[in-house]
């Protein structure tokens, strides 16, 4: 009787959490999947069923393909920057700093991850400013030529990659620090006895042993990169003030189709494709992790 009461209490305690999660998280996903096969202008109650027409039209839409390409470049570019830099920083913090300063360094590195997105993007926009930005000032002082960072499509993508990497770096460093602290010390002691120095131990011991952490960080970074929006909205503004025209990304394209063009079904199809990409990439990476774990 007592076990039954405890079980019922646990169920009653969990139900509100699951109900909130289902309403806030799962219902929007299901509704987006449903809307993706309809044509709806947001203002009318009538929704016309169009089947897969929205998806077929998407892959013939140059604007969508451009947004998809930019988003993929930003996501994989941010991952390529974040993983080596965060692993190196975590290694330095773990191996080279005294324990009393470790907490300070961890906090300092993690701060960009919790800074509000728009103010951070505005600060970076000032850094990349062609006339008043400190980055160009440093380049000119060193004898280089000032660059129009935010007025060139290619350079704008590079700027967004740097901003996304800066924002995800702190979280990745903390995850790698957890990995470093759980590595067996006996492995490093054996490597030291064999004559390996710190750099050799890092590349030939730490990097292979941290592969599960690396896969997890790559998943988180890719998801963050594919959901990029505010960075492109703030940074990639042209001289007319039309946001995101230089670097079009998927989330921005979805918002414009929904609330400016009133093509909610079309935007929902874009969201489904974005969700599918993230799920496939996550499944592939965790499949690789499981395969390596089996070996």
C-alpha atoms as a PDB file:
ATOM      1  CA  UNK A   1       0.000   0.000   0.000  1.00  0.00           C
ATOM      2  CA  UNK A   2       2.836   2.376   0.859  1.00  0.00           C
ATOM      3  CA  UNK A   3       4.635   1.628  -2.432  1.00  0.00           C
ATOM      4  CA  UNK A   4       1.426   2.279  -4.345  1.00  0.00           C
ATOM      5  CA  UNK A   5       0.955   5.650  -2.647  1.00  0.00           C
ATOM      6  CA  UNK A   6       4.547   6.615  -3.419  1.00  0.00           C
ATOM      7  CA  UNK A   7       4.078   5.589  -7.030  1.00  0.00           C
ATOM      8  CA  UNK A   8       0.877   7.634  -7.350  1.00  0.00           C
ATOM      9  CA  UNK A   9       2.574  10.616  -5.706  1.00  0.00           C
ATOM     10  CA  UNK A  10       5.485  10.379  -8.150  1.00  0.00           C
ATOM     11  CA  UNK A  11       3.092  10.168 -11.113  1.00  0.00           C
ATOM     12  CA  UNK A  12       1.085  13.169  -9.894  1.00  0.00           C
ATOM     13  CA  UNK A  13       4.314  15.138  -9.416  1.00  0.00           C
ATOM     14  CA  UNK A  14       5.565  14.300 -12.927  1.00  0.00           C
ATOM     15  CA  UNK A  15       2.307  14.915 -14.821  1.00  0.00           C
ATOM     16  CA  UNK A  16       2.405  18.765 -14.590  1.00  0.00           C
ATOM     17  CA  UNK A  17       5.996  18.792 -15.866  1.00  0.00           C
ATOM     18  CA  UNK A  18       5.144  16.547 -18.799  1.00  0.00           C
ATOM     19  CA  UNK A  19       2.005  18.573 -19.506  1.00  0.00           C
ATOM     20  CA  UNK A  20       3.966  21.852 -19.641  1.00  0.00           C
ATOM     21  CA  UNK A  21       6.689  20.230 -21.747  1.00  0.00           C
ATOM     22  CA  UNK A  22       4.121  18.796 -24.143  1.00  0.00           C
ATOM     23  CA  UNK A  23       2.325  22.120 -24.516  1.00  0.00           C
ATOM     24  CA  UNK A  24       5.419  24.303 -24.836  1.00  0.00           C
ATOM     25  CA  UNK A  25       7.682  21.938 -26.791  1.00  0.00           C
ATOM     26  CA  UNK A  26       5.848  19.085 -28.475  1.00  0.00           C
ATOM     27  CA  UNK A  27       2.611  20.815 -29.541  1.00  0.00           C
ATOM     28  CA  UNK A  28       4.408  23.508 -31.631  1.00  0.00           C
ATOM     29  CA  UNK A  29       6.405  20.785 -33.403  1.00  0.00           C
ATOM     30  CA  UNK A  30       3.297  18.751 -34.203  1.00  0.00           C
ATOM     31  CA  UNK A  31       1.418  21.873 -35.331  1.00  0.00           C
ATOM     32  CA  UNK A  32       4.326  22.907 -37.560  1.00  0.00           C
ATOM     33  CA  UNK A  33       4.347  19.451 -39.159  1.00  0.00           C
ATOM     34  CA  UNK A  34       0.608  19.766 -39.803  1.00  0.00           C
ATOM     35  CA  UNK A  35       0.809  23.286 -41.223  1.00  0.00           C
ATOM     36  CA  UNK A  36       3.601  22.314 -43.617  1.00  0.00           C
ATOM     37  CA  UNK A  37       1.109  20.504 -45.860  1.00  0.00           C
ATOM     38  CA  UNK A  38      -1.368  23.401 -45.918  1.00  0.00           C
ATOM     39  CA  UNK A  39      -1.547  26.788 -47.588  1.00  0.00           C
ATOM     40  CA  UNK A  40      -2.520  29.456 -45.059  1.00  0.00           C
ATOM     41  CA  UNK A  41      -2.190  33.240 -45.061  1.00  0.00           C
ATOM     42  CA  UNK A  42      -2.307  33.626 -41.243  1.00  0.00           C
ATOM     43  CA  UNK A  43      -5.312  35.975 -41.369  1.00  0.00           C
ATOM     44  CA  UNK A  44      -7.960  33.586 -42.671  1.00  0.00           C
ATOM     45  CA  UNK A  45      -9.441  30.603 -40.886  1.00  0.00           C
ATOM     46  CA  UNK A  46      -9.428  28.601 -44.101  1.00  0.00           C
ATOM     47  CA  UNK A  47      -6.455  26.343 -44.715  1.00  0.00           C
ATOM     48  CA  UNK A  48      -6.066  24.671 -48.102  1.00  0.00           C
ATOM     49  CA  UNK A  49      -4.454  21.240 -48.139  1.00  0.00           C
ATOM     50  CA  UNK A  50      -1.629  21.173 -50.689  1.00  0.00           C
ATOM     51  CA  UNK A  51       0.234  18.025 -49.706  1.00  0.00           C
ATOM     52  CA  UNK A  52       3.943  18.155 -50.506  1.00  0.00           C
ATOM     53  CA  UNK A  53       3.640  21.184 -52.810  1.00  0.00           C
ATOM     54  CA  UNK A  54       5.324  23.474 -50.279  1.00  0.00           C
ATOM     55  CA  UNK A  55       8.353  21.176 -50.064  1.00  0.00           C
ATOM     56  CA  UNK A  56       8.579  20.795 -53.851  1.00  0.00           C
ATOM     57  CA  UNK A  57       8.413  24.566 -54.313  1.00  0.00           C
ATOM     58  CA  UNK A  58      11.098  25.120 -51.682  1.00  0.00           C
ATOM     59  CA  UNK A  59      13.772  23.234 -53.580  1.00  0.00           C
ATOM     60  CA  UNK A  60      13.112  25.377 -56.641  1.00  0.00           C
ATOM     61  CA  UNK A  61      13.303  28.601 -54.627  1.00  0.00           C
ATOM     62  CA  UNK A  62      16.688  30.296 -55.055  1.00  0.00           C
ATOM     63  CA  UNK A  63      16.126  32.420 -51.951  1.00  0.00           C
ATOM     64  CA  UNK A  64      15.547  29.343 -49.796  1.00  0.00           C
ATOM     65  CA  UNK A  65      18.546  27.520 -51.268  1.00  0.00           C
ATOM     66  CA  UNK A  66      20.707  30.576 -50.626  1.00  0.00           C
ATOM     67  CA  UNK A  67      19.499  30.721 -47.011  1.00  0.00           C
ATOM     68  CA  UNK A  68      20.106  26.978 -46.578  1.00  0.00           C
ATOM     69  CA  UNK A  69      23.632  27.258 -47.991  1.00  0.00           C
ATOM     70  CA  UNK A  70      24.518  30.246 -45.788  1.00  0.00           C
ATOM     71  CA  UNK A  71      23.128  28.529 -42.704  1.00  0.00           C
ATOM     72  CA  UNK A  72      25.086  25.335 -43.391  1.00  0.00           C
ATOM     73  CA  UNK A  73      28.314  27.299 -43.958  1.00  0.00           C
ATOM     74  CA  UNK A  74      27.805  29.196 -40.692  1.00  0.00           C
ATOM     75  CA  UNK A  75      26.965  26.043 -38.720  1.00  0.00           C
ATOM     76  CA  UNK A  76      29.906  23.968 -39.938  1.00  0.00           C
ATOM     77  CA  UNK A  77      32.243  26.974 -39.845  1.00  0.00           C
ATOM     78  CA  UNK A  78      31.341  27.697 -36.224  1.00  0.00           C
ATOM     79  CA  UNK A  79      31.879  24.042 -35.361  1.00  0.00           C
ATOM     80  CA  UNK A  80      35.286  24.052 -37.062  1.00  0.00           C
ATOM     81  CA  UNK A  81      36.329  27.094 -35.006  1.00  0.00           C
ATOM     82  CA  UNK A  82      34.723  26.197 -31.682  1.00  0.00           C
ATOM     83  CA  UNK A  83      35.984  22.638 -31.241  1.00  0.00           C
ATOM     84  CA  UNK A  84      39.781  23.179 -31.507  1.00  0.00           C
ATOM     85  CA  UNK A  85      39.760  26.539 -29.714  1.00  0.00           C
ATOM     86  CA  UNK A  86      37.574  25.342 -26.831  1.00  0.00           C
ATOM     87  CA  UNK A  87      39.594  22.134 -26.431  1.00  0.00           C
ATOM     88  CA  UNK A  88      42.846  24.100 -26.358  1.00  0.00           C
ATOM     89  CA  UNK A  89      41.488  26.626 -23.848  1.00  0.00           C
ATOM     90  CA  UNK A  90      40.137  23.870 -21.630  1.00  0.00           C
ATOM     91  CA  UNK A  91      43.520  22.144 -21.743  1.00  0.00           C
ATOM     92  CA  UNK A  92      45.320  25.341 -20.771  1.00  0.00           C
ATOM     93  CA  UNK A  93      42.899  26.049 -17.915  1.00  0.00           C
ATOM     94  CA  UNK A  94      43.170  22.471 -16.649  1.00  0.00           C
ATOM     95  CA  UNK A  95      46.919  21.955 -16.976  1.00  0.00           C
ATOM     96  CA  UNK A  96      48.491  25.398 -16.694  1.00  0.00           C
ATOM     97  CA  UNK A  97      46.522  27.418 -14.148  1.00  0.00           C
ATOM     98  CA  UNK A  98      46.609  27.224 -10.387  1.00  0.00           C
ATOM     99  CA  UNK A  99      43.504  25.906  -8.711  1.00  0.00           C
ATOM    100  CA  UNK A 100      42.693  29.199  -7.009  1.00  0.00           C
ATOM    101  CA  UNK A 101      42.502  30.955 -10.400  1.00  0.00           C
ATOM    102  CA  UNK A 102      40.722  28.160 -12.270  1.00  0.00           C
ATOM    103  CA  UNK A 103      37.270  29.341 -11.196  1.00  0.00           C
ATOM    104  CA  UNK A 104      37.975  32.864 -12.396  1.00  0.00           C
ATOM    105  CA  UNK A 105      39.101  31.665 -15.827  1.00  0.00           C
ATOM    106  CA  UNK A 106      36.092  29.359 -16.166  1.00  0.00           C
ATOM    107  CA  UNK A 107      33.736  32.231 -15.321  1.00  0.00           C
ATOM    108  CA  UNK A 108      35.483  34.630 -17.695  1.00  0.00           C
ATOM    109  CA  UNK A 109      35.299  32.147 -20.571  1.00  0.00           C
ATOM    110  CA  UNK A 110      31.652  31.277 -19.856  1.00  0.00           C
ATOM    111  CA  UNK A 111      30.377  34.891 -19.734  1.00  0.00           C
ATOM    112  CA  UNK A 112      29.843  35.227 -23.537  1.00  0.00           C
ATOM    113  CA  UNK A 113      27.488  32.243 -23.431  1.00  0.00           C
ATOM    114  CA  UNK A 114      25.097  34.017 -21.048  1.00  0.00           C
ATOM    115  CA  UNK A 115      25.331  37.519 -22.518  1.00  0.00           C
ATOM    116  CA  UNK A 116      22.137  38.648 -24.255  1.00  0.00           C
ATOM    117  CA  UNK A 117      22.341  37.978 -27.981  1.00  0.00           C
ATOM    118  CA  UNK A 118      21.366  41.366 -29.416  1.00  0.00           C
ATOM    119  CA  UNK A 119      23.654  43.578 -27.250  1.00  0.00           C
ATOM    120  CA  UNK A 120      26.533  41.202 -27.972  1.00  0.00           C
ATOM    121  CA  UNK A 121      25.827  41.358 -31.707  1.00  0.00           C
ATOM    122  CA  UNK A 122      25.698  45.161 -31.557  1.00  0.00           C
ATOM    123  CA  UNK A 123      29.105  45.213 -29.844  1.00  0.00           C
ATOM    124  CA  UNK A 124      30.551  42.979 -32.532  1.00  0.00           C
ATOM    125  CA  UNK A 125      28.955  45.146 -35.209  1.00  0.00           C
ATOM    126  CA  UNK A 126      30.898  48.106 -33.810  1.00  0.00           C
ATOM    127  CA  UNK A 127      34.098  46.022 -33.827  1.00  0.00           C
ATOM    128  CA  UNK A 128      33.580  45.169 -37.511  1.00  0.00           C
ATOM    129  CA  UNK A 129      32.529  48.689 -38.512  1.00  0.00           C
ATOM    130  CA  UNK A 130      34.376  49.716 -41.684  1.00  0.00           C
ATOM    131  CA  UNK A 131      35.114  53.300 -40.528  1.00  0.00           C
ATOM    132  CA  UNK A 132      35.008  53.365 -36.733  1.00  0.00           C
ATOM    133  CA  UNK A 133      35.672  49.748 -35.799  1.00  0.00           C
ATOM    134  CA  UNK A 134      38.774  48.876 -33.757  1.00  0.00           C
ATOM    135  CA  UNK A 135      39.481  45.827 -35.935  1.00  0.00           C
ATOM    136  CA  UNK A 136      40.148  47.939 -39.017  1.00  0.00           C
ATOM    137  CA  UNK A 137      42.071  50.428 -36.875  1.00  0.00           C
ATOM    138  CA  UNK A 138      44.443  47.640 -35.799  1.00  0.00           C
ATOM    139  CA  UNK A 139      44.776  46.350 -39.379  1.00  0.00           C
ATOM    140  CA  UNK A 140      45.619  49.837 -40.701  1.00  0.00           C
ATOM    141  CA  UNK A 141      48.081  50.444 -37.848  1.00  0.00           C
ATOM    142  CA  UNK A 142      49.892  47.249 -38.841  1.00  0.00           C
ATOM    143  CA  UNK A 143      50.141  48.436 -42.438  1.00  0.00           C
ATOM    144  CA  UNK A 144      47.172  46.511 -43.844  1.00  0.00           C
ATOM    145  CA  UNK A 145      44.134  47.677 -45.755  1.00  0.00           C
ATOM    146  CA  UNK A 146      40.785  48.330 -44.057  1.00  0.00           C
ATOM    147  CA  UNK A 147      38.071  45.863 -44.993  1.00  0.00           C
ATOM    148  CA  UNK A 148      34.337  46.407 -45.446  1.00  0.00           C
ATOM    149  CA  UNK A 149      33.553  43.488 -43.153  1.00  0.00           C
ATOM    150  CA  UNK A 150      29.784  43.876 -43.040  1.00  0.00           C
ATOM    151  CA  UNK A 151      29.231  45.039 -46.615  1.00  0.00           C
ATOM    152  CA  UNK A 152      30.689  42.016 -48.366  1.00  0.00           C
ATOM    153  CA  UNK A 153      28.652  38.768 -48.419  1.00  0.00           C
ATOM    154  CA  UNK A 154      31.678  36.511 -47.879  1.00  0.00           C
ATOM    155  CA  UNK A 155      33.212  38.629 -45.106  1.00  0.00           C
ATOM    156  CA  UNK A 156      29.793  38.974 -43.465  1.00  0.00           C
ATOM    157  CA  UNK A 157      29.523  35.189 -43.252  1.00  0.00           C
ATOM    158  CA  UNK A 158      32.984  35.076 -41.658  1.00  0.00           C
ATOM    159  CA  UNK A 159      31.910  37.705 -39.100  1.00  0.00           C
ATOM    160  CA  UNK A 160      28.785  35.727 -38.207  1.00  0.00           C
ATOM    161  CA  UNK A 161      30.840  32.541 -37.830  1.00  0.00           C
ATOM    162  CA  UNK A 162      33.183  34.340 -35.424  1.00  0.00           C
ATOM    163  CA  UNK A 163      30.257  35.704 -33.405  1.00  0.00           C
ATOM    164  CA  UNK A 164      28.517  32.317 -33.156  1.00  0.00           C
ATOM    165  CA  UNK A 165      31.815  30.672 -32.175  1.00  0.00           C
ATOM    166  CA  UNK A 166      32.448  33.319 -29.510  1.00  0.00           C
ATOM    167  CA  UNK A 167      29.009  32.738 -28.011  1.00  0.00           C
ATOM    168  CA  UNK A 168      29.253  28.932 -27.921  1.00  0.00           C
ATOM    169  CA  UNK A 169      32.894  28.817 -26.851  1.00  0.00           C
ATOM    170  CA  UNK A 170      32.283  29.188 -23.108  1.00  0.00           C
ATOM    171  CA  UNK A 171      29.855  26.271 -22.899  1.00  0.00           C
ATOM    172  CA  UNK A 172      32.181  24.076 -24.964  1.00  0.00           C
ATOM    173  CA  UNK A 173      35.152  24.929 -22.723  1.00  0.00           C
ATOM    174  CA  UNK A 174      33.242  23.896 -19.593  1.00  0.00           C
ATOM    175  CA  UNK A 175      32.186  20.621 -21.193  1.00  0.00           C
ATOM    176  CA  UNK A 176      35.780  19.892 -22.209  1.00  0.00           C
ATOM    177  CA  UNK A 177      36.949  20.767 -18.693  1.00  0.00           C
ATOM    178  CA  UNK A 178      34.609  18.114 -17.314  1.00  0.00           C
ATOM    179  CA  UNK A 179      36.136  15.689 -19.782  1.00  0.00           C
ATOM    180  CA  UNK A 180      39.709  16.620 -18.806  1.00  0.00           C
ATOM    181  CA  UNK A 181      38.942  16.180 -15.117  1.00  0.00           C
ATOM    182  CA  UNK A 182      37.568  12.692 -15.718  1.00  0.00           C
ATOM    183  CA  UNK A 183      40.515  11.437 -17.769  1.00  0.00           C
ATOM    184  CA  UNK A 184      42.603   8.816 -15.941  1.00  0.00           C
ATOM    185  CA  UNK A 185      45.784  10.384 -14.578  1.00  0.00           C
ATOM    186  CA  UNK A 186      47.602   7.081 -14.903  1.00  0.00           C
ATOM    187  CA  UNK A 187      47.565   7.479 -18.685  1.00  0.00           C
ATOM    188  CA  UNK A 188      49.412  10.808 -18.464  1.00  0.00           C
ATOM    189  CA  UNK A 189      51.858   9.418 -15.919  1.00  0.00           C
ATOM    190  CA  UNK A 190      52.667   6.527 -18.252  1.00  0.00           C
ATOM    191  CA  UNK A 191      53.098   8.929 -21.181  1.00  0.00           C
ATOM    192  CA  UNK A 192      55.426  11.100 -19.088  1.00  0.00           C
ATOM    193  CA  UNK A 193      57.519   8.075 -18.181  1.00  0.00           C
ATOM    194  CA  UNK A 194      57.811   7.297 -21.895  1.00  0.00           C
ATOM    195  CA  UNK A 195      59.234  10.775 -22.499  1.00  0.00           C
ATOM    196  CA  UNK A 196      56.154  12.529 -23.895  1.00  0.00           C
ATOM    197  CA  UNK A 197      55.983  16.285 -23.345  1.00  0.00           C
ATOM    198  CA  UNK A 198      52.848  18.316 -22.717  1.00  0.00           C
ATOM    199  CA  UNK A 199      52.036  18.955 -26.379  1.00  0.00           C
ATOM    200  CA  UNK A 200      52.504  15.308 -27.309  1.00  0.00           C
ATOM    201  CA  UNK A 201      50.325  14.207 -24.391  1.00  0.00           C
ATOM    202  CA  UNK A 202      47.622  16.622 -25.504  1.00  0.00           C
ATOM    203  CA  UNK A 203      47.499  15.505 -29.140  1.00  0.00           C
ATOM    204  CA  UNK A 204      48.137  11.787 -28.674  1.00  0.00           C
ATOM    205  CA  UNK A 205      46.383  11.191 -25.346  1.00  0.00           C
ATOM    206  CA  UNK A 206      43.825  13.909 -24.593  1.00  0.00           C
ATOM    207  CA  UNK A 207      42.378  14.377 -28.080  1.00  0.00           C
ATOM    208  CA  UNK A 208      41.605  10.657 -28.678  1.00  0.00           C
ATOM    209  CA  UNK A 209      40.236  10.160 -25.158  1.00  0.00           C
ATOM    210  CA  UNK A 210      37.987  13.222 -25.522  1.00  0.00           C
ATOM    211  CA  UNK A 211      36.293  12.012 -28.726  1.00  0.00           C
ATOM    212  CA  UNK A 212      32.904  11.465 -26.991  1.00  0.00           C
ATOM    213  CA  UNK A 213      33.056  15.038 -25.642  1.00  0.00           C
ATOM    214  CA  UNK A 214      34.038  16.312 -29.083  1.00  0.00           C
ATOM    215  CA  UNK A 215      31.055  14.599 -30.694  1.00  0.00           C
ATOM    216  CA  UNK A 216      28.712  16.097 -28.103  1.00  0.00           C
ATOM    217  CA  UNK A 217      30.175  19.585 -28.553  1.00  0.00           C
ATOM    218  CA  UNK A 218      29.898  19.262 -32.326  1.00  0.00           C
ATOM    219  CA  UNK A 219      26.187  18.378 -32.014  1.00  0.00           C
ATOM    220  CA  UNK A 220      25.483  21.354 -29.732  1.00  0.00           C
ATOM    221  CA  UNK A 221      27.469  23.728 -31.948  1.00  0.00           C
ATOM    222  CA  UNK A 222      25.775  22.537 -35.135  1.00  0.00           C
ATOM    223  CA  UNK A 223      22.317  22.955 -33.618  1.00  0.00           C
ATOM    224  CA  UNK A 224      23.245  26.456 -32.457  1.00  0.00           C
ATOM    225  CA  UNK A 225      24.644  27.277 -35.897  1.00  0.00           C
ATOM    226  CA  UNK A 226      21.596  26.051 -37.799  1.00  0.00           C
ATOM    227  CA  UNK A 227      19.361  28.138 -35.531  1.00  0.00           C
ATOM    228  CA  UNK A 228      21.337  31.331 -36.181  1.00  0.00           C
ATOM    229  CA  UNK A 229      19.092  34.376 -36.572  1.00  0.00           C
ATOM    230  CA  UNK A 230      19.852  37.409 -34.405  1.00  0.00           C
ATOM    231  CA  UNK A 231      23.504  37.392 -35.441  1.00  0.00           C
ATOM    232  CA  UNK A 232      22.628  37.695 -39.140  1.00  0.00           C
ATOM    233  CA  UNK A 233      19.767  40.100 -38.419  1.00  0.00           C
ATOM    234  CA  UNK A 234      21.998  42.530 -36.524  1.00  0.00           C
ATOM    235  CA  UNK A 235      25.318  42.151 -38.316  1.00  0.00           C
ATOM    236  CA  UNK A 236      24.349  41.673 -41.959  1.00  0.00           C
ATOM    237  CA  UNK A 237      22.474  44.941 -42.491  1.00  0.00           C
ATOM    238  CA  UNK A 238      23.008  46.753 -45.763  1.00  0.00           C
ATOM    239  CA  UNK A 239      23.267  50.504 -46.246  1.00  0.00           C
ATOM    240  CA  UNK A 240      19.485  50.775 -46.594  1.00  0.00           C
ATOM    241  CA  UNK A 241      18.931  49.189 -43.211  1.00  0.00           C
ATOM    242  CA  UNK A 242      17.191  46.097 -44.565  1.00  0.00           C
ATOM    243  CA  UNK A 243      18.248  43.410 -42.086  1.00  0.00           C
ATOM    244  CA  UNK A 244      19.771  40.155 -43.236  1.00  0.00           C
ATOM    245  CA  UNK A 245      19.847  40.971 -46.950  1.00  0.00           C
ATOM    246  CA  UNK A 246      23.558  40.330 -47.278  1.00  0.00           C
ATOM    247  CA  UNK A 247      23.502  37.011 -45.450  1.00  0.00           C
ATOM    248  CA  UNK A 248      20.152  35.271 -45.616  1.00  0.00           C
ATOM    249  CA  UNK A 249      19.642  32.421 -43.131  1.00  0.00           C
ATOM    250  CA  UNK A 250      16.856  29.875 -42.703  1.00  0.00           C
ATOM    251  CA  UNK A 251      15.227  31.266 -39.571  1.00  0.00           C
ATOM    252  CA  UNK A 252      15.108  34.766 -41.062  1.00  0.00           C
ATOM    253  CA  UNK A 253      13.594  33.363 -44.264  1.00  0.00           C
ATOM    254  CA  UNK A 254      10.955  31.525 -42.227  1.00  0.00           C
ATOM    255  CA  UNK A 255       9.992  34.657 -40.295  1.00  0.00           C
ATOM    256  CA  UNK A 256       9.692  36.745 -43.453  1.00  0.00           C
ATOM    257  CA  UNK A 257       7.557  34.134 -45.200  1.00  0.00           C
ATOM    258  CA  UNK A 258       5.305  33.855 -42.139  1.00  0.00           C
ATOM    259  CA  UNK A 259       4.800  37.451 -41.072  1.00  0.00           C
ATOM    260  CA  UNK A 260       5.637  39.523 -44.155  1.00  0.00           C
ATOM    261  CA  UNK A 261       4.570  37.313 -47.037  1.00  0.00           C
ATOM    262  CA  UNK A 262       1.811  35.564 -45.014  1.00  0.00           C
ATOM    263  CA  UNK A 263       2.840  32.142 -46.313  1.00  0.00           C
ATOM    264  CA  UNK A 264       2.650  30.206 -43.053  1.00  0.00           C
ATOM    265  CA  UNK A 265       2.485  26.759 -44.644  1.00  0.00           C
ATOM    266  CA  UNK A 266       5.544  27.514 -46.756  1.00  0.00           C
ATOM    267  CA  UNK A 267       7.460  28.740 -43.697  1.00  0.00           C
ATOM    268  CA  UNK A 268       6.357  25.644 -41.760  1.00  0.00           C
ATOM    269  CA  UNK A 269       7.823  23.478 -44.531  1.00  0.00           C
ATOM    270  CA  UNK A 270      11.120  25.326 -44.089  1.00  0.00           C
ATOM    271  CA  UNK A 271      10.957  24.646 -40.349  1.00  0.00           C
ATOM    272  CA  UNK A 272      10.365  20.941 -40.997  1.00  0.00           C
ATOM    273  CA  UNK A 273      13.406  20.803 -43.270  1.00  0.00           C
ATOM    274  CA  UNK A 274      15.510  22.577 -40.637  1.00  0.00           C
ATOM    275  CA  UNK A 275      14.290  20.128 -37.974  1.00  0.00           C
ATOM    276  CA  UNK A 276      15.058  17.184 -40.256  1.00  0.00           C
ATOM    277  CA  UNK A 277      18.603  18.429 -40.919  1.00  0.00           C
ATOM    278  CA  UNK A 278      19.311  18.831 -37.208  1.00  0.00           C
ATOM    279  CA  UNK A 279      17.853  15.400 -36.384  1.00  0.00           C
ATOM    280  CA  UNK A 280      19.828  13.679 -39.151  1.00  0.00           C
ATOM    281  CA  UNK A 281      23.104  15.331 -38.139  1.00  0.00           C
ATOM    282  CA  UNK A 282      22.488  14.471 -34.485  1.00  0.00           C
ATOM    283  CA  UNK A 283      21.661  10.847 -35.336  1.00  0.00           C
ATOM    284  CA  UNK A 284      24.781  10.508 -37.504  1.00  0.00           C
ATOM    285  CA  UNK A 285      27.055  11.944 -34.841  1.00  0.00           C
ATOM    286  CA  UNK A 286      25.628   9.842 -32.017  1.00  0.00           C
ATOM    287  CA  UNK A 287      25.775   6.820 -34.312  1.00  0.00           C
ATOM    288  CA  UNK A 288      29.483   7.506 -34.742  1.00  0.00           C
ATOM    289  CA  UNK A 289      29.814   7.805 -30.973  1.00  0.00           C
ATOM    290  CA  UNK A 290      28.043   4.483 -30.426  1.00  0.00           C
ATOM    291  CA  UNK A 291      30.194   2.805 -33.067  1.00  0.00           C
ATOM    292  CA  UNK A 292      33.413   4.085 -31.485  1.00  0.00           C
ATOM    293  CA  UNK A 293      32.142   3.054 -28.063  1.00  0.00           C
ATOM    294  CA  UNK A 294      31.493  -0.453 -29.367  1.00  0.00           C
ATOM    295  CA  UNK A 295      35.019  -0.704 -30.696  1.00  0.00           C
END
